[in-house]
Amino acid sequence: MAEVDDTMHAMIDRGRLPGQVVLVLQGGGALGSYQAGVYQALHEAGLEPDWVIGTSIGAINAALIAGSPVQERMTRLREFWKRMHRRPAWSVRTAFPDFNERLSYWTTVTHGIPGFFRPNALAHAGEAYPLGAEQAGYYSTAPLQETLQELVDFDRLNNGGLRLTVGAAHVRTSRMRYFDSRDDVLDVRHILASGALPPAFPAVRIDGELYWDGGILSNTPTEVVFDDNPRKDSLIFAVHLWNPEGAEPTTMAEVFNRHKDVQYSSRISSHIARQQQTHRLRHIINQLAVHLPESTRNDPAVRDLISHGCQTRMHVVRLLAPQLDRESHTKDIDFTERGIIARWTAGYQHTQSVLERMPWSGEHDPLAGVVLHDPSIKLAAAAE
């Protein structure tokens, strides 16, 4: 796989940042190469995250980052995505521009991706065939387990100082579970569980319980930062692979494509709006408390009410993967070299643009607890 330009660029002064650096990575299969480009730009600017949070492919990229020495993180990411590149058995010259992409798609469906997943023949023995809870999937992720055990240092992941959180769906209760290296000892099962998307991949058992891909409940785990205890001032790079906004579909192909975007974008816009409202109210509580007499503030009941206030501020930088030419609903298994490089390059360039502008600097509404910076709006306007 060709490498993205890694020319050195200006370093970011960590002392001028508005808080801890958090990298939040959505799930989205092959679209996850965009996240690697985002990290490359941060890495080159010396902006290593303090905390990385991921779901599905986001959990895999996050584990590669957290489970590697800083100087080897880019090497590990490149090696992983090089292994993910699906090379069709042959390439055909044709007048149809997307023929080879379709050929790659069917090669992936029928043969899997070496180092990621392989077909489970018994899954086609009939819907009622007793596969067992940990084998009930159309593919086996045993190859991914081997890849992660080779590329991720789990001792470093748990003790390296970079906090890692991965999300998975508890099969029995339909509840989201976040496994956090601050509180738990994570191993390869936690990463596999976060990416165990049914019915393609089987559930993963951890401490006697089965878990599926966290993306089926919450594919954008930014909520973990907002709900953290204790909360901290944060600069959050929220990397989105599915577009929450899109045109009305007019063909069945467009319906399938838009359906996936709607399904996996996880209502991020409304979620951010709700958090902005909640954090604004917390800041308002602090402002109101200042105007109370000291005797009132010292009343135990009033102190309890004041404790619901919060001084922290979250700057959320949303980075959105682009839609490529001739992109379809199969984009999340587009492991072609063209697709991987195009998305990686986009993530790299988008993040470089953000770092040049540093939108989190300057004055902001003192009552705003969550400030959203959406460079995709500016990028779209510039392209028109």
Protein backbone atom coordinates (compact mmCIF):
# COMPACT_ATOMS: atom_id res chain seq x y z
CA MET A 1 0.00 0.00 0.00
CA ALA A 2 1.38 3.42 -0.95
CA GLU A 3 2.19 5.68 2.00
CA VAL A 4 0.62 9.04 2.71
CA ASP A 5 3.03 11.98 2.73
CA ASP A 6 4.57 12.31 6.19
CA THR A 7 6.44 15.61 5.78
CA MET A 8 7.05 17.26 9.14
CA HIS A 9 4.80 20.19 10.03
CA ALA A 10 4.64 22.77 12.80
CA MET A 11 4.33 21.33 16.28
CA ILE A 12 1.39 22.25 18.51
CA ASP A 13 2.19 23.83 21.88
CA ARG A 14 0.53 21.50 24.42
CA GLY A 15 0.57 24.24 27.02
CA ARG A 16 -1.85 26.31 24.95
CA LEU A 17 -4.48 23.58 24.59
CA PRO A 18 -7.79 23.91 26.45
CA GLY A 19 -7.47 20.58 28.28
CA GLN A 20 -6.71 16.88 27.85
CA VAL A 21 -6.61 15.60 24.26
CA VAL A 22 -9.21 12.92 23.55
CA LEU A 23 -9.48 10.98 20.29
CA VAL A 24 -12.91 9.40 19.69
CA LEU A 25 -13.17 6.85 16.86
CA GLN A 26 -16.42 5.55 15.33
CA GLY A 27 -17.00 2.10 13.93
CA GLY A 28 -17.18 1.65 10.17
CA GLY A 29 -15.02 -1.18 8.85
CA ALA A 30 -12.87 -0.17 5.90
CA LEU A 31 -13.83 3.48 6.45
CA GLY A 32 -11.53 3.36 9.48
CA SER A 33 -8.48 4.16 7.35
CA TYR A 34 -9.69 7.79 7.60
CA GLN A 35 -9.00 7.57 11.35
CA ALA A 36 -5.42 6.50 10.69
CA GLY A 37 -4.93 9.64 8.59
CA VAL A 38 -6.37 11.77 11.40
CA TYR A 39 -3.95 10.24 13.88
CA GLN A 40 -1.00 10.72 11.50
CA ALA A 41 -1.63 14.47 11.36
CA LEU A 42 -1.94 14.66 15.17
CA HIS A 43 1.21 12.56 15.58
CA GLU A 44 3.26 14.78 13.27
CA ALA A 45 2.11 17.85 15.19
CA GLY A 46 3.21 16.28 18.49
CA LEU A 47 -0.41 16.11 19.60
CA GLU A 48 -0.51 12.63 21.12
CA PRO A 49 -3.85 11.87 22.78
CA ASP A 50 -4.18 11.47 26.55
CA TRP A 51 -7.21 9.26 26.04
CA VAL A 52 -8.44 7.33 23.02
CA ILE A 53 -11.96 5.89 22.79
CA GLY A 54 -13.16 3.55 20.07
CA THR A 55 -15.90 1.28 18.84
CA SER A 56 -15.47 -1.53 16.31
CA ILE A 57 -12.77 -0.53 13.78
CA GLY A 58 -12.27 2.52 15.99
CA ALA A 59 -11.41 0.19 18.88
CA ILE A 60 -8.89 -1.62 16.67
CA ASN A 61 -7.17 1.62 15.62
CA ALA A 62 -7.30 2.80 19.22
CA ALA A 63 -5.65 -0.41 20.47
CA LEU A 64 -2.89 -0.09 17.87
CA ILE A 65 -2.21 3.45 19.13
CA ALA A 66 -2.43 2.69 22.86
CA GLY A 67 -0.56 -0.61 22.54
CA SER A 68 2.51 0.79 20.77
CA PRO A 69 5.41 3.06 21.76
CA VAL A 70 4.85 6.59 20.45
CA GLN A 71 7.63 6.23 17.88
CA GLU A 72 6.13 2.99 16.52
CA ARG A 73 2.45 3.93 16.37
CA MET A 74 2.48 5.00 12.72
CA THR A 75 4.44 1.88 11.74
CA ARG A 76 1.88 -0.37 13.43
CA LEU A 77 -1.07 1.46 11.86
CA ARG A 78 0.48 1.25 8.41
CA GLU A 79 1.23 -2.43 8.84
CA PHE A 80 -2.32 -3.20 9.94
CA TRP A 81 -3.91 -1.35 7.02
CA LYS A 82 -1.44 -2.87 4.59
CA ARG A 83 -2.67 -6.28 5.72
CA MET A 84 -6.28 -5.19 5.28
CA HIS A 85 -5.81 -4.33 1.61
CA ARG A 86 -7.98 -6.71 -0.43
CA ARG A 87 -6.21 -7.69 -3.64
CA PRO A 88 -8.59 -9.37 -6.09
CA ALA A 89 -7.37 -12.49 -7.81
CA TRP A 90 -7.26 -10.55 -11.08
CA SER A 91 -8.00 -7.13 -12.51
CA VAL A 92 -10.03 -6.60 -15.66
CA ARG A 93 -9.91 -3.73 -18.14
CA THR A 94 -13.50 -2.77 -18.79
CA ALA A 95 -15.67 0.13 -19.84
CA PHE A 96 -17.48 -0.09 -16.48
CA PRO A 97 -15.54 2.13 -14.01
CA ASP A 98 -16.57 0.28 -10.86
CA PHE A 99 -16.15 -3.27 -12.13
CA ASN A 100 -12.92 -3.98 -10.25
CA GLU A 101 -14.37 -2.48 -7.04
CA ARG A 102 -17.33 -4.87 -7.36
CA LEU A 103 -14.92 -7.72 -8.00
CA SER A 104 -13.04 -6.80 -4.84
CA TYR A 105 -16.34 -6.67 -2.92
CA TRP A 106 -17.34 -10.18 -3.96
CA THR A 107 -13.83 -11.48 -3.27
CA THR A 108 -14.11 -10.09 0.25
CA VAL A 109 -17.58 -11.56 0.78
CA THR A 110 -16.59 -15.03 -0.42
CA HIS A 111 -13.02 -15.26 0.87
CA GLY A 112 -12.76 -12.73 3.70
CA ILE A 113 -9.69 -10.57 4.42
CA PRO A 114 -6.41 -12.30 5.36
CA GLY A 115 -5.43 -11.10 8.81
CA PHE A 116 -9.00 -9.99 9.58
CA PHE A 117 -11.74 -12.57 8.99
CA ARG A 118 -12.40 -15.78 7.08
CA PRO A 119 -15.64 -17.53 6.08
CA ASN A 120 -17.31 -19.90 8.53
CA ALA A 121 -18.63 -22.66 6.28
CA LEU A 122 -20.84 -24.17 9.00
CA ALA A 123 -22.86 -20.94 9.18
CA HIS A 124 -24.42 -21.98 5.86
CA ALA A 125 -25.52 -25.37 7.16
CA GLY A 126 -28.94 -23.93 8.02
CA GLU A 127 -30.32 -21.24 10.29
CA ALA A 128 -31.09 -23.79 13.02
CA TYR A 129 -27.69 -25.51 12.90
CA PRO A 130 -26.17 -25.48 16.44
CA LEU A 131 -23.01 -23.44 15.93
CA GLY A 132 -22.61 -22.43 19.56
CA ALA A 133 -22.77 -18.89 20.92
CA GLU A 134 -19.11 -18.10 20.25
CA GLN A 135 -19.13 -19.44 16.68
CA ALA A 136 -22.50 -18.09 15.53
CA GLY A 137 -21.41 -15.81 12.70
CA TYR A 138 -20.84 -16.01 8.98
CA TYR A 139 -17.13 -15.37 9.50
CA SER A 140 -14.45 -16.21 12.04
CA THR A 141 -12.31 -13.38 13.44
CA ALA A 142 -9.52 -15.73 14.51
CA PRO A 143 -7.21 -14.08 11.91
CA LEU A 144 -7.86 -10.66 13.51
CA GLN A 145 -7.02 -12.07 16.93
CA GLU A 146 -3.66 -13.24 15.59
CA THR A 147 -3.02 -9.87 13.94
CA LEU A 148 -3.81 -7.92 17.10
CA GLN A 149 -1.71 -10.18 19.29
CA GLU A 150 1.19 -9.57 16.94
CA LEU A 151 0.82 -5.79 16.52
CA VAL A 152 -0.54 -4.69 19.92
CA ASP A 153 1.51 -4.78 23.13
CA PHE A 154 -1.24 -5.34 25.69
CA ASP A 155 1.12 -4.81 28.65
CA ARG A 156 1.88 -1.34 27.30
CA LEU A 157 -1.80 -0.79 26.50
CA ASN A 158 -2.70 -1.36 30.15
CA ASN A 159 0.31 0.37 31.72
CA GLY A 160 1.58 2.88 29.16
CA GLY A 161 -0.17 5.97 30.51
CA LEU A 162 -2.47 6.46 27.50
CA ARG A 163 -6.02 5.71 28.60
CA LEU A 164 -8.02 3.41 26.30
CA THR A 165 -11.78 2.86 26.34
CA VAL A 166 -13.64 0.51 23.99
CA GLY A 167 -17.40 0.02 23.71
CA ALA A 168 -19.31 -3.26 23.34
CA ALA A 169 -22.97 -4.29 23.48
CA HIS A 170 -23.96 -6.73 26.23
CA VAL A 171 -25.94 -9.38 24.34
CA ARG A 172 -28.09 -10.53 27.27
CA THR A 173 -29.26 -7.10 28.49
CA SER A 174 -28.88 -4.86 25.38
CA ARG A 175 -26.82 -2.43 27.48
CA MET A 176 -23.68 -0.62 26.40
CA ARG A 177 -20.53 -1.58 28.28
CA TYR A 178 -17.38 0.49 28.15
CA PHE A 179 -14.17 -1.34 29.04
CA ASP A 180 -11.63 1.17 30.31
CA SER A 181 -7.90 0.60 30.87
CA ARG A 182 -8.13 2.99 33.84
CA ASP A 183 -10.38 0.53 35.65
CA ASP A 184 -9.97 -2.81 33.85
CA VAL A 185 -7.19 -4.97 32.45
CA LEU A 186 -7.89 -5.14 28.73
CA ASP A 187 -6.85 -7.95 26.42
CA VAL A 188 -7.52 -8.99 22.85
CA ARG A 189 -11.05 -10.18 23.71
CA HIS A 190 -12.18 -6.64 24.54
CA ILE A 191 -11.05 -5.36 21.15
CA LEU A 192 -12.63 -8.31 19.34
CA ALA A 193 -15.88 -7.84 21.26
CA SER A 194 -16.08 -4.17 20.30
CA GLY A 195 -15.93 -5.20 16.63
CA ALA A 196 -18.11 -8.33 16.76
CA LEU A 197 -20.81 -7.07 14.40
CA PRO A 198 -23.63 -9.63 13.97
CA PRO A 199 -24.50 -11.61 11.96
CA ALA A 200 -21.13 -11.39 10.22
CA PHE A 201 -19.01 -11.94 13.33
CA PRO A 202 -19.78 -14.06 16.40
CA ALA A 203 -20.12 -12.64 19.89
CA VAL A 204 -17.11 -12.64 22.21
CA ARG A 205 -17.31 -13.93 25.78
CA ILE A 206 -15.75 -11.87 28.58
CA ASP A 207 -16.10 -12.88 32.23
CA GLY A 208 -18.87 -15.30 31.30
CA GLU A 209 -20.93 -12.78 29.32
CA LEU A 210 -21.34 -12.36 25.57
CA TYR A 211 -20.69 -9.06 23.80
CA TRP A 212 -21.36 -7.77 20.28
CA ASP A 213 -20.10 -4.73 18.38
CA GLY A 214 -20.76 -1.57 20.40
CA GLY A 215 -21.84 0.21 17.23
CA ILE A 216 -25.24 -1.46 17.28
CA LEU A 217 -26.04 0.62 20.40
CA SER A 218 -23.77 3.67 20.23
CA ASN A 219 -21.42 4.07 17.31
CA THR A 220 -20.02 7.44 18.42
CA PRO A 221 -18.87 7.00 22.02
CA THR A 222 -18.29 10.70 22.76
CA GLU A 223 -20.74 10.25 25.64
CA VAL A 224 -17.95 8.59 27.64
CA VAL A 225 -16.07 11.90 27.88
CA PHE A 226 -19.15 13.90 28.85
CA ASP A 227 -20.09 11.38 31.55
CA ASP A 228 -16.58 10.81 32.91
CA ASN A 229 -15.99 11.20 36.64
CA PRO A 230 -14.33 13.48 37.42
CA ARG A 231 -14.89 15.53 34.26
CA LYS A 232 -11.92 17.43 32.85
CA ASP A 233 -11.49 20.27 30.40
CA SER A 234 -11.02 18.49 27.08
CA LEU A 235 -10.14 18.97 23.43
CA ILE A 236 -12.05 16.14 21.75
CA PHE A 237 -11.32 15.05 18.19
CA ALA A 238 -14.50 13.15 17.28
CA VAL A 239 -13.81 11.20 14.09
CA HIS A 240 -17.00 10.29 12.22
CA LEU A 241 -17.13 7.76 9.40
CA TRP A 242 -20.87 7.94 8.62
CA ASN A 243 -22.47 11.14 7.41
CA PRO A 244 -25.46 12.21 9.54
CA GLU A 245 -26.66 14.47 6.73
CA GLY A 246 -27.33 13.52 3.13
CA ALA A 247 -29.47 14.03 0.06
CA GLU A 248 -32.81 12.33 -0.48
CA PRO A 249 -32.22 8.93 -2.12
CA THR A 250 -33.81 8.43 -5.52
CA THR A 251 -32.54 4.95 -6.39
CA MET A 252 -32.40 1.71 -4.44
CA ALA A 253 -28.59 1.96 -4.38
CA GLU A 254 -28.89 5.40 -2.79
CA VAL A 255 -31.47 4.05 -0.31
CA PHE A 256 -29.09 1.30 0.84
CA ASN A 257 -26.22 3.78 1.15
CA ARG A 258 -28.21 6.43 3.01
CA HIS A 259 -29.74 3.81 5.31
CA LYS A 260 -26.31 2.81 6.59
CA ASP A 261 -25.30 6.44 7.16
CA VAL A 262 -28.48 7.07 9.15
CA GLN A 263 -28.15 3.83 11.10
CA TYR A 264 -24.53 4.25 12.18
CA SER A 265 -24.16 8.03 12.53
CA SER A 266 -25.74 7.49 15.98
CA ARG A 267 -27.76 10.73 16.19
CA ILE A 268 -24.53 12.60 16.89
CA SER A 269 -25.98 16.05 16.08
CA SER A 270 -28.85 15.74 18.57
CA HIS A 271 -26.51 14.13 21.10
CA ILE A 272 -24.10 17.07 20.95
CA ALA A 273 -26.99 19.56 21.17
CA ARG A 274 -28.28 17.82 24.30
CA GLN A 275 -24.83 17.87 25.89
CA GLN A 276 -24.44 21.55 25.05
CA GLN A 277 -27.71 22.26 26.84
CA THR A 278 -26.78 20.13 29.87
CA HIS A 279 -23.34 21.66 30.28
CA ARG A 280 -24.71 25.17 29.83
CA LEU A 281 -27.07 24.53 32.73
CA ARG A 282 -24.14 23.35 34.85
CA HIS A 283 -22.31 26.60 34.13
CA ILE A 284 -25.45 28.57 34.93
CA ILE A 285 -25.62 26.84 38.33
CA ASN A 286 -22.07 28.04 39.03
CA GLN A 287 -22.95 31.59 38.03
CA LEU A 288 -26.07 31.62 40.22
CA ALA A 289 -24.13 30.26 43.20
CA VAL A 290 -21.78 33.26 43.08
CA HIS A 291 -24.72 35.59 43.78
CA LEU A 292 -25.90 33.69 46.89
CA PRO A 293 -24.97 34.94 50.35
CA GLU A 294 -22.23 32.89 51.96
CA SER A 295 -24.58 31.72 54.71
CA THR A 296 -26.95 30.33 52.06
CA ARG A 297 -24.13 28.66 50.12
CA ASN A 298 -23.00 26.89 53.29
CA ASP A 299 -26.40 25.33 53.88
CA PRO A 300 -25.97 21.55 53.27
CA ALA A 301 -29.04 21.36 51.04
CA VAL A 302 -27.85 24.31 48.94
CA ARG A 303 -24.32 22.88 48.72
CA ASP A 304 -25.82 19.68 47.32
CA LEU A 305 -27.67 21.66 44.65
CA ILE A 306 -24.56 23.67 43.78
CA SER A 307 -22.58 20.46 43.37
CA HIS A 308 -24.53 19.82 40.16
CA GLY A 309 -22.69 22.74 38.61
CA CYS A 310 -19.49 22.22 36.62
CA GLN A 311 -16.64 24.46 35.49
CA THR A 312 -15.28 22.18 32.77
CA ARG A 313 -15.40 23.01 29.06
CA MET A 314 -15.35 20.49 26.23
CA HIS A 315 -14.19 21.57 22.78
CA VAL A 316 -15.46 19.03 20.24
CA VAL A 317 -13.77 19.04 16.83
CA ARG A 318 -15.83 16.94 14.43
CA LEU A 319 -13.91 15.34 11.56
CA LEU A 320 -16.08 13.69 8.92
CA ALA A 321 -14.91 11.12 6.37
CA PRO A 322 -15.80 12.14 2.80
CA GLN A 323 -17.99 10.26 0.38
CA LEU A 324 -15.83 8.97 -2.46
CA ASP A 325 -16.82 8.90 -6.11
CA ARG A 326 -19.02 5.90 -6.94
CA GLU A 327 -19.34 5.10 -3.23
CA SER A 328 -22.10 2.63 -2.34
CA HIS A 329 -23.57 0.87 0.69
CA THR A 330 -20.67 -1.60 0.49
CA LYS A 331 -18.19 1.16 1.42
CA ASP A 332 -17.53 -0.33 4.86
CA ILE A 333 -15.99 -3.40 3.21
CA ASP A 334 -14.19 -1.41 0.53
CA PHE A 335 -10.72 -2.72 1.36
CA THR A 336 -9.32 -1.77 -2.05
CA GLU A 337 -6.01 0.06 -2.11
CA ARG A 338 -7.78 3.01 -3.76
CA GLY A 339 -10.37 3.25 -1.00
CA ILE A 340 -7.93 2.85 1.89
CA ILE A 341 -5.48 5.45 0.57
CA ALA A 342 -8.20 7.95 -0.40
CA ARG A 343 -9.77 7.90 3.05
CA TRP A 344 -6.42 7.91 4.88
CA THR A 345 -5.33 10.94 2.83
CA ALA A 346 -8.62 12.73 3.52
CA GLY A 347 -8.27 12.20 7.28
CA TYR A 348 -4.71 13.48 7.17
CA GLN A 349 -5.55 16.60 5.16
CA HIS A 350 -8.72 17.43 7.09
CA THR A 351 -6.86 17.25 10.40
CA GLN A 352 -3.94 19.31 9.12
CA SER A 353 -6.41 22.01 8.11
CA VAL A 354 -7.96 22.01 11.60
CA LEU A 355 -4.58 22.18 13.33
CA GLU A 356 -3.57 25.16 11.19
CA ARG A 357 -6.69 27.08 12.31
CA MET A 358 -6.84 25.89 15.95
CA PRO A 359 -10.55 26.81 16.25
CA TRP A 360 -10.58 26.12 19.99
CA SER A 361 -8.40 29.17 20.67
CA GLY A 362 -9.89 32.61 21.20
CA GLU A 363 -12.90 33.80 23.17
CA HIS A 364 -16.02 31.68 23.70
CA ASP A 365 -19.33 32.11 25.51
CA PRO A 366 -18.49 31.74 29.23
CA LEU A 367 -21.69 29.76 29.74
CA ALA A 368 -20.86 27.28 26.97
CA GLY A 369 -19.73 24.01 28.50
CA VAL A 370 -19.56 22.21 25.12
CA VAL A 371 -18.23 24.08 22.08
CA LEU A 372 -18.65 22.34 18.72
CA HIS A 373 -16.17 23.01 15.91
CA ASP A 374 -17.29 21.49 12.61
CA PRO A 375 -14.64 22.02 9.90
CA SER A 376 -16.63 19.87 7.45
CA ILE A 377 -19.00 22.83 6.99
CA LYS A 378 -16.10 25.10 6.01
CA LEU A 379 -14.59 22.42 3.75
CA ALA A 380 -17.90 21.98 1.95
CA ALA A 381 -18.33 25.75 1.51
CA ALA A 382 -14.80 26.07 0.12
CA ALA A 383 -15.47 23.33 -2.43
CA GLU A 384 -18.54 25.11 -3.86
